[in-house]
Structure formats: C-alpha cells, structure tokens
C-alpha cells in the first residue's frame, strides 16, 4: 500500500535526508546557480521622494566602429579646439611640456574633426622640432653659440605660435615653416 507523495513519512526511500546539502551539478552543466549568481537586470528604482535626483540611466556601449562622438562639431567648436592646440602649447611651454597640449587635443578631439586633427598635428610637429632644437642649443651653450641659438629659437617660437593661432582662428590650417614632419 502506497501513500500519496504528500503523506509519505520523512526519510522514505525517494527523499534525501533533511540535513544533507543538494548534490553538486553534473560536470559541464552551465545552468546558473541561484545562490551565487546576481539577479537578472530589472528596471531602475523610481525617483526618490521630495525632489531628489533621479537615478542615472544604465550604461550603454557604443556601437562598434564609432568614436563616441554623439554629434559632429560645429565650425566654431572646430576653430576653438584648433586654437587650443596652438595656444595651449604656448602656455604649457612654461613648464617645458609644450608638446603635451597638442598631443592631448589630437588624442581627444582629433577623431571628431579633420580640421582639428590637422592643426593639432602641425602644432605637435612644431613642438617636437622646438624641443629638439632647444636641447641642441642648450648643449651648445658651453660653446657660447647656444645662447644666441636659444634667443633666436624663443623669438621664432613666439612668432610662429602666434601665426598658427591666428590662422586657426580664421579657419585655416597653418603649416609651420621650420618643422620636422614626424607625426602624420
């Protein structure tokens, strides 16, 4: 005589004893364990009461092949970033890092606009050229000619950076006349 499953006493032949843990999953089983896996994604909680800020939206990934730019730059923005690539190097030269600003502009905004990229590349090439010339002039200071080279280099640097900045503000790409073309 068999009793229905709900009426069988504990410890019968088909049930494991109550103190034993469940058996481990078989090898190769990829079903998620409810104990260790996080819950599936759900809707964000509602906005907090009393005018609090709503929660941020969940992060989304950019489609493959995009640069992350949501809208193209306007001509005014392009001119501004091109000017920054020239003037920023002038300002950064005070701490001997004149090539840092055009490099940052090239890396941050160079993929969004060909105009900004062209100005940043020109400015970066000029900054590298000036850095090399400054090192050579500094070494030649011991032969006295380096002092005159440093003075001429400083004057040329100021003039060419101002010319590059003015050209960028007009929407033109300025090619420095004395520049090694190392970055393309």
N, C-alpha and C. Protein backbone atom coordinates (compact mmCIF):
# COMPACT_ATOMS: atom_id res chain seq x y z
N UNK A 1 0.83 -1.15 0.00
CA UNK A 1 0.00 0.00 0.00
C UNK A 1 0.88 1.23 0.00
N UNK A 2 0.68 2.02 -0.95
CA UNK A 2 1.50 3.23 -1.12
C UNK A 2 0.68 4.44 -0.72
N UNK A 3 1.38 5.33 -0.05
CA UNK A 3 0.72 6.57 0.35
C UNK A 3 0.99 7.63 -0.73
N UNK A 4 0.12 8.60 -0.86
CA UNK A 4 0.40 9.69 -1.80
C UNK A 4 1.67 10.42 -1.39
N UNK A 5 2.36 11.09 -2.31
CA UNK A 5 3.64 11.72 -2.00
C UNK A 5 3.56 12.70 -0.85
N UNK A 6 2.47 13.39 -0.67
CA UNK A 6 2.41 14.36 0.41
C UNK A 6 2.26 13.69 1.76
N UNK A 7 1.84 12.45 1.77
CA UNK A 7 1.61 11.77 3.04
C UNK A 7 2.72 10.81 3.39
N UNK A 8 3.81 10.73 2.60
CA UNK A 8 4.89 9.81 2.93
C UNK A 8 5.68 10.37 4.10
N UNK A 9 6.09 9.53 4.99
CA UNK A 9 6.87 9.99 6.14
C UNK A 9 8.26 10.43 5.69
N UNK A 10 8.91 11.40 6.42
CA UNK A 10 10.25 11.82 6.04
C UNK A 10 11.22 10.66 6.14
N UNK A 11 12.18 10.67 5.30
CA UNK A 11 13.21 9.63 5.31
C UNK A 11 12.81 8.42 4.52
N UNK A 12 11.77 8.53 3.69
CA UNK A 12 11.39 7.38 2.88
C UNK A 12 12.42 7.20 1.78
N UNK A 13 12.27 6.20 0.98
CA UNK A 13 13.28 5.77 0.01
C UNK A 13 13.58 6.83 -1.05
N UNK A 14 12.68 7.68 -1.50
CA UNK A 14 12.90 8.62 -2.58
C UNK A 14 13.44 9.97 -2.14
N UNK A 15 13.39 10.33 -0.88
CA UNK A 15 13.81 11.66 -0.42
C UNK A 15 15.19 11.60 0.23
N UNK A 16 16.04 12.64 -0.01
CA UNK A 16 17.31 12.67 0.72
C UNK A 16 17.04 13.11 2.15
N UNK A 17 17.91 12.76 3.06
CA UNK A 17 17.73 13.18 4.45
C UNK A 17 17.73 14.71 4.52
N UNK A 18 17.03 15.35 5.48
CA UNK A 18 16.92 16.80 5.53
C UNK A 18 18.23 17.52 5.84
N UNK A 19 19.23 16.89 6.40
CA UNK A 19 20.49 17.55 6.77
C UNK A 19 21.52 17.56 5.66
N UNK A 20 21.34 16.86 4.58
CA UNK A 20 22.36 16.80 3.53
C UNK A 20 22.15 17.93 2.53
N UNK A 21 23.27 18.54 2.03
CA UNK A 21 23.15 19.60 1.02
C UNK A 21 22.75 19.01 -0.32
N UNK A 22 22.24 19.84 -1.21
CA UNK A 22 21.86 19.30 -2.52
C UNK A 22 23.10 18.79 -3.25
N UNK A 23 22.92 17.83 -4.12
CA UNK A 23 24.08 17.28 -4.84
C UNK A 23 24.65 18.32 -5.80
N UNK A 24 25.99 18.28 -6.06
CA UNK A 24 26.58 19.25 -6.99
C UNK A 24 26.07 19.00 -8.40
N UNK A 25 26.06 20.06 -9.23
CA UNK A 25 25.59 19.86 -10.60
C UNK A 25 26.57 18.98 -11.36
N UNK A 26 26.09 18.27 -12.36
CA UNK A 26 26.99 17.42 -13.14
C UNK A 26 28.01 18.27 -13.90
N UNK A 27 29.15 17.68 -14.23
CA UNK A 27 30.22 18.39 -14.95
C UNK A 27 29.70 18.86 -16.30
N UNK A 28 30.04 20.11 -16.64
CA UNK A 28 29.60 20.67 -17.91
C UNK A 28 28.24 21.33 -17.83
N UNK A 29 27.61 21.34 -16.68
CA UNK A 29 26.31 21.98 -16.52
C UNK A 29 26.52 23.49 -16.45
N UNK A 30 25.83 24.23 -17.29
CA UNK A 30 26.01 25.69 -17.32
C UNK A 30 24.79 26.42 -16.79
N UNK A 31 23.89 25.74 -16.14
CA UNK A 31 22.73 26.44 -15.58
C UNK A 31 23.19 27.27 -14.40
N UNK A 32 22.68 28.50 -14.28
CA UNK A 32 23.13 29.38 -13.19
C UNK A 32 22.65 28.87 -11.83
N UNK A 33 23.47 29.06 -10.87
CA UNK A 33 23.13 28.69 -9.50
C UNK A 33 22.42 29.87 -8.86
N UNK A 34 21.27 29.66 -8.24
CA UNK A 34 20.55 30.79 -7.66
C UNK A 34 21.26 31.39 -6.46
N UNK A 35 22.22 30.70 -5.89
CA UNK A 35 22.90 31.20 -4.70
C UNK A 35 23.99 32.20 -5.07
N UNK A 36 24.81 31.91 -6.09
CA UNK A 36 25.99 32.73 -6.40
C UNK A 36 25.76 33.76 -7.49
N UNK A 37 24.79 33.58 -8.35
CA UNK A 37 24.59 34.49 -9.47
C UNK A 37 23.76 35.69 -9.05
N UNK A 38 24.10 36.88 -9.60
CA UNK A 38 23.29 38.06 -9.29
C UNK A 38 21.93 37.95 -9.96
N UNK A 39 20.96 38.66 -9.45
CA UNK A 39 19.63 38.60 -10.07
C UNK A 39 19.67 39.22 -11.45
N UNK A 40 18.78 38.84 -12.32
CA UNK A 40 18.76 39.43 -13.67
C UNK A 40 18.46 40.92 -13.58
N UNK A 41 18.80 41.64 -14.65
CA UNK A 41 18.60 43.09 -14.69
C UNK A 41 17.12 43.40 -14.56
N UNK A 42 16.82 44.39 -13.76
CA UNK A 42 15.44 44.83 -13.60
C UNK A 42 15.39 46.33 -13.83
N UNK A 43 14.21 46.87 -13.89
CA UNK A 43 14.04 48.30 -14.09
C UNK A 43 14.66 49.07 -12.93
N UNK A 44 15.20 50.29 -13.19
CA UNK A 44 15.77 51.07 -12.09
C UNK A 44 14.67 51.48 -11.12
N UNK A 45 15.04 51.70 -9.87
CA UNK A 45 14.03 52.07 -8.89
C UNK A 45 13.44 53.44 -9.23
N UNK A 46 12.25 53.72 -8.74
CA UNK A 46 11.64 55.02 -9.03
C UNK A 46 12.43 56.15 -8.39
N UNK A 47 12.16 57.37 -8.85
CA UNK A 47 12.87 58.54 -8.34
C UNK A 47 12.59 58.69 -6.84
N UNK A 48 13.57 59.13 -6.07
CA UNK A 48 13.35 59.31 -4.64
C UNK A 48 12.34 60.43 -4.38
N UNK A 49 11.62 60.34 -3.27
CA UNK A 49 10.62 61.38 -2.99
C UNK A 49 11.28 62.70 -2.63
N UNK A 50 10.47 63.73 -2.56
CA UNK A 50 10.89 65.07 -2.13
C UNK A 50 11.88 65.72 -3.09
N UNK A 51 11.76 65.48 -4.38
CA UNK A 51 12.54 66.20 -5.37
C UNK A 51 13.98 65.75 -5.50
N UNK A 52 14.32 64.57 -5.06
CA UNK A 52 15.69 64.08 -5.21
C UNK A 52 16.01 63.84 -6.67
N UNK A 53 17.28 63.70 -6.97
CA UNK A 53 17.70 63.47 -8.35
C UNK A 53 17.32 62.07 -8.77
N UNK A 54 16.84 61.90 -10.01
CA UNK A 54 16.51 60.56 -10.47
C UNK A 54 17.79 59.75 -10.65
N UNK A 55 17.69 58.43 -10.58
CA UNK A 55 18.90 57.61 -10.75
C UNK A 55 19.42 57.73 -12.17
N UNK A 56 20.71 57.55 -12.37
CA UNK A 56 21.26 57.64 -13.73
C UNK A 56 20.77 56.47 -14.57
N UNK A 57 20.70 56.65 -15.88
CA UNK A 57 20.28 55.54 -16.74
C UNK A 57 21.38 54.48 -16.76
N UNK A 58 21.02 53.25 -17.06
CA UNK A 58 22.04 52.21 -17.12
C UNK A 58 23.04 52.50 -18.23
N UNK A 59 24.30 52.12 -18.05
CA UNK A 59 25.31 52.42 -19.08
C UNK A 59 25.02 51.63 -20.35
N UNK A 60 25.34 52.25 -21.47
CA UNK A 60 25.19 51.58 -22.76
C UNK A 60 26.52 51.60 -23.47
N UNK A 61 26.75 50.64 -24.29
CA UNK A 61 28.00 50.56 -25.04
C UNK A 61 27.82 51.25 -26.39
N UNK A 62 28.90 51.83 -26.90
CA UNK A 62 28.87 52.44 -28.22
C UNK A 62 28.84 51.34 -29.26
N UNK A 63 28.15 51.56 -30.35
CA UNK A 63 28.19 50.57 -31.43
C UNK A 63 29.61 50.46 -31.97
N UNK A 64 29.96 49.30 -32.42
CA UNK A 64 31.32 49.11 -32.91
C UNK A 64 31.57 50.00 -34.12
N UNK A 65 32.78 50.55 -34.19
CA UNK A 65 33.17 51.39 -35.30
C UNK A 65 32.91 52.86 -35.07
N UNK A 66 32.36 53.25 -33.93
CA UNK A 66 32.14 54.66 -33.67
C UNK A 66 33.20 55.18 -32.73
N UNK A 67 33.36 56.49 -32.71
CA UNK A 67 34.38 57.09 -31.86
C UNK A 67 33.82 57.61 -30.56
N UNK A 68 32.53 57.51 -30.37
CA UNK A 68 31.93 58.00 -29.15
C UNK A 68 31.35 59.39 -29.31
N UNK A 69 31.57 60.02 -30.41
CA UNK A 69 31.03 61.36 -30.63
C UNK A 69 29.54 61.24 -30.92
N UNK A 70 28.75 61.99 -30.19
CA UNK A 70 27.32 61.90 -30.39
C UNK A 70 26.85 62.85 -31.50
N UNK A 71 27.45 64.03 -31.58
CA UNK A 71 27.10 64.97 -32.63
C UNK A 71 28.38 65.52 -33.23
N UNK A 72 28.35 65.87 -34.51
CA UNK A 72 29.55 66.46 -35.10
C UNK A 72 29.81 67.84 -34.51
N UNK A 73 31.08 68.23 -34.55
CA UNK A 73 31.45 69.53 -34.01
C UNK A 73 31.02 70.63 -34.97
N UNK A 74 30.62 71.75 -34.40
CA UNK A 74 30.28 72.91 -35.21
C UNK A 74 31.56 73.60 -35.66
N UNK A 75 31.52 74.44 -36.68
CA UNK A 75 32.73 75.15 -37.10
C UNK A 75 33.35 75.98 -35.99
N UNK A 76 32.51 76.58 -35.14
CA UNK A 76 33.07 77.35 -34.02
C UNK A 76 33.83 76.45 -33.04
N UNK A 77 33.29 75.28 -32.77
CA UNK A 77 33.98 74.35 -31.88
C UNK A 77 35.28 73.87 -32.52
N UNK A 78 35.25 73.61 -33.81
CA UNK A 78 36.47 73.19 -34.50
C UNK A 78 37.55 74.26 -34.39
N UNK A 79 37.18 75.52 -34.64
CA UNK A 79 38.15 76.61 -34.55
C UNK A 79 38.67 76.74 -33.13
N UNK A 80 37.80 76.59 -32.15
CA UNK A 80 38.22 76.71 -30.75
C UNK A 80 39.25 75.64 -30.41
N UNK A 81 38.98 74.38 -30.78
CA UNK A 81 39.93 73.31 -30.48
C UNK A 81 41.23 73.48 -31.26
N UNK A 82 41.16 73.99 -32.49
CA UNK A 82 42.37 74.23 -33.26
C UNK A 82 43.20 75.33 -32.60
N UNK A 83 42.55 76.37 -32.11
CA UNK A 83 43.25 77.44 -31.39
C UNK A 83 43.89 76.90 -30.12
N UNK A 84 43.16 76.05 -29.41
CA UNK A 84 43.70 75.47 -28.17
C UNK A 84 44.95 74.65 -28.46
N UNK A 85 44.99 73.97 -29.59
CA UNK A 85 46.18 73.17 -29.90
C UNK A 85 47.42 74.04 -30.09
N UNK A 86 47.25 75.28 -30.54
CA UNK A 86 48.39 76.17 -30.70
C UNK A 86 48.68 76.95 -29.42
N UNK A 87 47.67 77.63 -28.88
CA UNK A 87 47.87 78.48 -27.70
C UNK A 87 48.17 77.63 -26.47
N UNK A 88 47.55 76.48 -26.38
CA UNK A 88 47.80 75.61 -25.24
C UNK A 88 49.25 75.17 -25.16
N UNK A 89 49.85 74.95 -26.31
CA UNK A 89 51.27 74.58 -26.31
C UNK A 89 52.13 75.74 -25.84
N UNK A 90 51.71 76.95 -26.19
CA UNK A 90 52.43 78.13 -25.75
C UNK A 90 52.36 78.26 -24.22
N UNK A 91 51.18 78.01 -23.67
CA UNK A 91 51.01 78.09 -22.22
C UNK A 91 51.74 76.95 -21.52
N UNK A 92 51.71 75.76 -22.09
CA UNK A 92 52.36 74.60 -21.47
C UNK A 92 53.88 74.67 -21.58
N UNK A 93 54.40 75.50 -22.47
CA UNK A 93 55.85 75.61 -22.63
C UNK A 93 56.52 76.19 -21.39
N UNK A 94 55.76 76.87 -20.56
CA UNK A 94 56.34 77.41 -19.33
C UNK A 94 56.84 76.31 -18.40
N UNK A 95 56.27 75.15 -18.51
CA UNK A 95 56.76 74.03 -17.69
C UNK A 95 57.46 73.00 -18.57
N UNK A 96 57.95 73.42 -19.71
CA UNK A 96 58.73 72.60 -20.65
C UNK A 96 57.93 71.42 -21.18
N UNK A 97 56.62 71.56 -21.26
CA UNK A 97 55.79 70.50 -21.81
C UNK A 97 54.92 71.04 -22.94
N UNK A 98 55.51 71.80 -23.84
CA UNK A 98 54.77 72.42 -24.92
C UNK A 98 54.09 71.42 -25.83
N UNK A 99 54.63 70.23 -25.96
CA UNK A 99 54.02 69.25 -26.85
C UNK A 99 52.87 68.50 -26.19
N UNK A 100 52.64 68.71 -24.91
CA UNK A 100 51.58 67.99 -24.22
C UNK A 100 50.19 68.44 -24.67
N UNK A 101 49.97 69.73 -24.81
CA UNK A 101 48.64 70.23 -25.19
C UNK A 101 48.22 69.80 -26.59
N UNK A 102 49.05 69.97 -27.63
CA UNK A 102 48.59 69.48 -28.94
C UNK A 102 48.41 67.96 -28.98
N UNK A 103 49.19 67.24 -28.18
CA UNK A 103 49.03 65.79 -28.12
C UNK A 103 47.68 65.43 -27.51
N UNK A 104 47.29 66.11 -26.44
CA UNK A 104 46.00 65.85 -25.80
C UNK A 104 44.86 66.21 -26.75
N UNK A 105 44.96 67.36 -27.43
CA UNK A 105 43.92 67.76 -28.38
C UNK A 105 43.83 66.73 -29.51
N UNK A 106 44.96 66.26 -29.98
CA UNK A 106 44.97 65.26 -31.05
C UNK A 106 44.29 63.98 -30.60
N UNK A 107 44.58 63.53 -29.40
CA UNK A 107 44.01 62.27 -28.92
C UNK A 107 42.53 62.40 -28.55
N UNK A 108 42.15 63.55 -28.00
CA UNK A 108 40.77 63.71 -27.53
C UNK A 108 39.83 64.12 -28.66
N UNK A 109 40.20 65.08 -29.47
CA UNK A 109 39.29 65.63 -30.48
C UNK A 109 39.72 65.35 -31.92
N UNK A 110 40.87 64.72 -32.12
CA UNK A 110 41.38 64.51 -33.47
C UNK A 110 40.52 63.60 -34.33
N UNK A 111 39.79 62.67 -33.71
CA UNK A 111 38.94 61.77 -34.49
C UNK A 111 37.60 62.40 -34.86
N UNK A 112 37.26 63.50 -34.24
CA UNK A 112 35.97 64.13 -34.48
C UNK A 112 36.01 65.15 -35.61
N UNK A 113 37.19 65.71 -35.92
CA UNK A 113 37.27 66.74 -36.94
C UNK A 113 38.63 66.69 -37.62
N UNK A 114 38.62 66.66 -38.94
CA UNK A 114 39.88 66.67 -39.69
C UNK A 114 40.61 68.00 -39.54
N UNK A 115 39.85 69.07 -39.41
CA UNK A 115 40.46 70.40 -39.23
C UNK A 115 41.21 70.48 -37.90
N UNK A 116 40.60 70.00 -36.83
CA UNK A 116 41.26 70.00 -35.52
C UNK A 116 42.47 69.08 -35.56
N UNK A 117 42.33 67.92 -36.19
CA UNK A 117 43.45 66.98 -36.29
C UNK A 117 44.63 67.60 -37.04
N UNK A 118 44.35 68.25 -38.15
CA UNK A 118 45.43 68.85 -38.95
C UNK A 118 46.17 69.92 -38.16
N UNK A 119 45.44 70.77 -37.45
CA UNK A 119 46.09 71.81 -36.64
C UNK A 119 46.86 71.20 -35.47
N UNK A 120 46.30 70.19 -34.83
CA UNK A 120 46.99 69.57 -33.70
C UNK A 120 48.26 68.86 -34.16
N UNK A 121 48.20 68.21 -35.32
CA UNK A 121 49.40 67.52 -35.84
C UNK A 121 50.48 68.54 -36.18
N UNK A 122 50.10 69.65 -36.84
CA UNK A 122 51.08 70.68 -37.16
C UNK A 122 51.71 71.26 -35.89
N UNK A 123 50.88 71.55 -34.91
CA UNK A 123 51.39 72.11 -33.67
C UNK A 123 52.29 71.11 -32.95
N UNK A 124 51.89 69.84 -32.93
CA UNK A 124 52.69 68.81 -32.27
C UNK A 124 54.04 68.64 -32.96
N UNK A 125 54.05 68.62 -34.29
CA UNK A 125 55.32 68.51 -35.01
C UNK A 125 56.23 69.71 -34.71
N UNK A 126 55.65 70.90 -34.65
CA UNK A 126 56.46 72.09 -34.35
C UNK A 126 57.01 72.01 -32.92
N UNK A 127 56.20 71.56 -32.00
CA UNK A 127 56.65 71.46 -30.60
C UNK A 127 57.79 70.45 -30.45
N UNK A 128 57.70 69.34 -31.17
CA UNK A 128 58.78 68.35 -31.14
C UNK A 128 60.04 68.95 -31.74
N UNK A 129 59.91 69.67 -32.85
CA UNK A 129 61.06 70.30 -33.50
C UNK A 129 61.71 71.32 -32.56
N UNK A 130 60.90 72.13 -31.90
CA UNK A 130 61.44 73.14 -30.96
C UNK A 130 62.11 72.46 -29.78
N UNK A 131 61.56 71.37 -29.29
CA UNK A 131 62.18 70.66 -28.16
C UNK A 131 63.55 70.12 -28.56
N UNK A 132 63.64 69.56 -29.75
CA UNK A 132 64.94 69.04 -30.22
C UNK A 132 65.94 70.20 -30.38
N UNK A 133 65.49 71.30 -30.99
CA UNK A 133 66.37 72.45 -31.17
C UNK A 133 66.79 73.05 -29.83
N UNK A 134 65.91 73.05 -28.84
CA UNK A 134 66.25 73.59 -27.52
C UNK A 134 67.31 72.74 -26.83
N UNK A 135 67.20 71.43 -26.96
CA UNK A 135 68.20 70.55 -26.36
C UNK A 135 69.56 70.77 -27.03
N UNK A 136 69.57 70.87 -28.35
CA UNK A 136 70.84 71.11 -29.07
C UNK A 136 71.41 72.47 -28.67
N UNK A 137 70.56 73.48 -28.59
CA UNK A 137 71.04 74.83 -28.21
C UNK A 137 71.57 74.84 -26.79
N UNK A 138 70.91 74.11 -25.90
CA UNK A 138 71.36 74.06 -24.51
C UNK A 138 72.73 73.39 -24.41
N UNK A 139 72.95 72.36 -25.20
CA UNK A 139 74.27 71.71 -25.20
C UNK A 139 75.32 72.67 -25.74
N UNK A 140 74.95 73.49 -26.74
CA UNK A 140 75.91 74.41 -27.34
C UNK A 140 76.12 75.68 -26.53
N UNK A 141 75.39 75.83 -25.42
CA UNK A 141 75.61 76.99 -24.55
C UNK A 141 77.05 77.01 -24.06
N UNK A 142 77.63 75.85 -23.89
CA UNK A 142 79.03 75.78 -23.41
C UNK A 142 80.00 76.31 -24.47
N UNK A 143 79.59 76.40 -25.71
CA UNK A 143 80.42 76.97 -26.77
C UNK A 143 79.97 78.39 -27.11
N UNK A 144 79.13 78.99 -26.30
CA UNK A 144 78.62 80.35 -26.39
C UNK A 144 77.62 80.53 -27.52
N UNK A 145 77.74 79.81 -28.61
CA UNK A 145 76.79 79.98 -29.71
C UNK A 145 75.39 79.54 -29.30
N UNK A 146 75.28 78.64 -28.34
CA UNK A 146 73.98 78.16 -27.88
C UNK A 146 73.13 79.24 -27.27
N UNK A 147 73.75 80.25 -26.66
CA UNK A 147 72.99 81.35 -26.07
C UNK A 147 72.23 82.09 -27.17
N UNK A 148 72.91 82.38 -28.27
CA UNK A 148 72.28 83.08 -29.38
C UNK A 148 71.22 82.20 -30.06
N UNK A 149 71.48 80.91 -30.11
CA UNK A 149 70.50 79.99 -30.69
C UNK A 149 69.23 79.92 -29.83
N UNK A 150 69.39 79.92 -28.51
CA UNK A 150 68.23 79.90 -27.62
C UNK A 150 67.39 81.17 -27.75
N UNK A 151 68.06 82.31 -27.90
CA UNK A 151 67.34 83.58 -28.07
C UNK A 151 66.58 83.57 -29.39
N UNK A 152 67.24 83.16 -30.47
CA UNK A 152 66.58 83.10 -31.78
C UNK A 152 65.43 82.09 -31.77
N UNK A 153 65.63 80.98 -31.09
CA UNK A 153 64.59 79.96 -31.00
C UNK A 153 63.37 80.48 -30.24
N UNK A 154 63.60 81.21 -29.15
CA UNK A 154 62.50 81.77 -28.37
C UNK A 154 61.69 82.77 -29.19
N UNK A 155 62.38 83.63 -29.94
CA UNK A 155 61.67 84.62 -30.77
C UNK A 155 60.87 83.92 -31.87
N UNK A 156 61.50 82.96 -32.55
CA UNK A 156 60.81 82.22 -33.61
C UNK A 156 59.62 81.45 -33.05
N UNK A 157 59.79 80.89 -31.87
CA UNK A 157 58.71 80.13 -31.23
C UNK A 157 57.48 81.01 -30.99
N UNK A 158 57.72 82.18 -30.41
CA UNK A 158 56.61 83.09 -30.11
C UNK A 158 55.92 83.54 -31.40
N UNK A 159 56.69 83.92 -32.40
CA UNK A 159 56.12 84.41 -33.66
C UNK A 159 55.31 83.31 -34.36
N UNK A 160 55.88 82.11 -34.47
CA UNK A 160 55.20 81.05 -35.20
C UNK A 160 53.95 80.55 -34.47
N UNK A 161 53.98 80.50 -33.15
CA UNK A 161 52.78 80.07 -32.42
C UNK A 161 51.67 81.10 -32.57
N UNK A 162 52.03 82.37 -32.55
CA UNK A 162 51.01 83.42 -32.75
C UNK A 162 50.44 83.33 -34.17
N UNK A 163 51.29 83.13 -35.17
CA UNK A 163 50.81 82.98 -36.54
C UNK A 163 49.90 81.75 -36.69
N UNK A 164 50.27 80.65 -36.06
CA UNK A 164 49.44 79.44 -36.09
C UNK A 164 48.09 79.65 -35.42
N UNK A 165 48.10 80.37 -34.31
CA UNK A 165 46.85 80.65 -33.60
C UNK A 165 45.94 81.55 -34.44
N UNK A 166 46.52 82.57 -35.07
CA UNK A 166 45.72 83.47 -35.90
C UNK A 166 45.13 82.73 -37.10
N UNK A 167 45.92 81.85 -37.72
CA UNK A 167 45.41 81.08 -38.86
C UNK A 167 44.28 80.15 -38.43
N UNK A 168 44.42 79.51 -37.27
CA UNK A 168 43.37 78.61 -36.78
C UNK A 168 42.10 79.38 -36.46
N UNK A 169 42.24 80.62 -35.96
CA UNK A 169 41.04 81.40 -35.66
C UNK A 169 40.31 81.83 -36.93
N UNK A 170 41.02 81.88 -38.07
CA UNK A 170 40.39 82.20 -39.36
C UNK A 170 39.83 80.96 -40.04
N UNK A 171 40.07 79.79 -39.45
CA UNK A 171 39.58 78.55 -40.05
C UNK A 171 40.56 77.94 -41.02
N UNK A 172 41.85 78.29 -40.92
CA UNK A 172 42.87 77.76 -41.81
C UNK A 172 43.81 76.84 -41.04
N UNK A 173 44.45 75.95 -41.78
CA UNK A 173 45.49 75.10 -41.20
C UNK A 173 46.82 75.77 -41.46
N UNK A 174 47.57 76.03 -40.39
CA UNK A 174 48.86 76.71 -40.52
C UNK A 174 49.96 75.67 -40.57
N UNK A 175 50.80 75.74 -41.60
CA UNK A 175 51.97 74.86 -41.69
C UNK A 175 53.20 75.66 -41.26
N UNK A 176 53.76 75.21 -40.16
CA UNK A 176 54.96 75.87 -39.64
C UNK A 176 56.09 75.70 -40.65
N UNK A 177 56.80 76.79 -40.98
CA UNK A 177 57.84 76.70 -41.99
C UNK A 177 59.07 75.90 -41.53
N UNK A 178 59.34 75.93 -40.24
CA UNK A 178 60.50 75.20 -39.72
C UNK A 178 59.97 74.11 -38.82
N UNK A 179 59.72 72.94 -39.39
CA UNK A 179 59.14 71.87 -38.60
C UNK A 179 59.46 70.52 -39.22
N UNK A 180 59.84 69.59 -38.38
CA UNK A 180 60.01 68.21 -38.83
C UNK A 180 58.64 67.57 -38.89
N UNK A 181 58.34 66.84 -39.92
CA UNK A 181 57.04 66.19 -40.05
C UNK A 181 57.15 64.75 -39.53
N UNK A 182 57.10 64.62 -38.19
CA UNK A 182 57.26 63.31 -37.57
C UNK A 182 55.91 62.63 -37.32
N UNK A 183 54.90 63.39 -36.96
CA UNK A 183 53.56 62.86 -36.70
C UNK A 183 52.71 63.15 -37.92
N UNK A 184 51.97 62.14 -38.36
CA UNK A 184 51.16 62.34 -39.57
C UNK A 184 49.71 62.30 -39.26
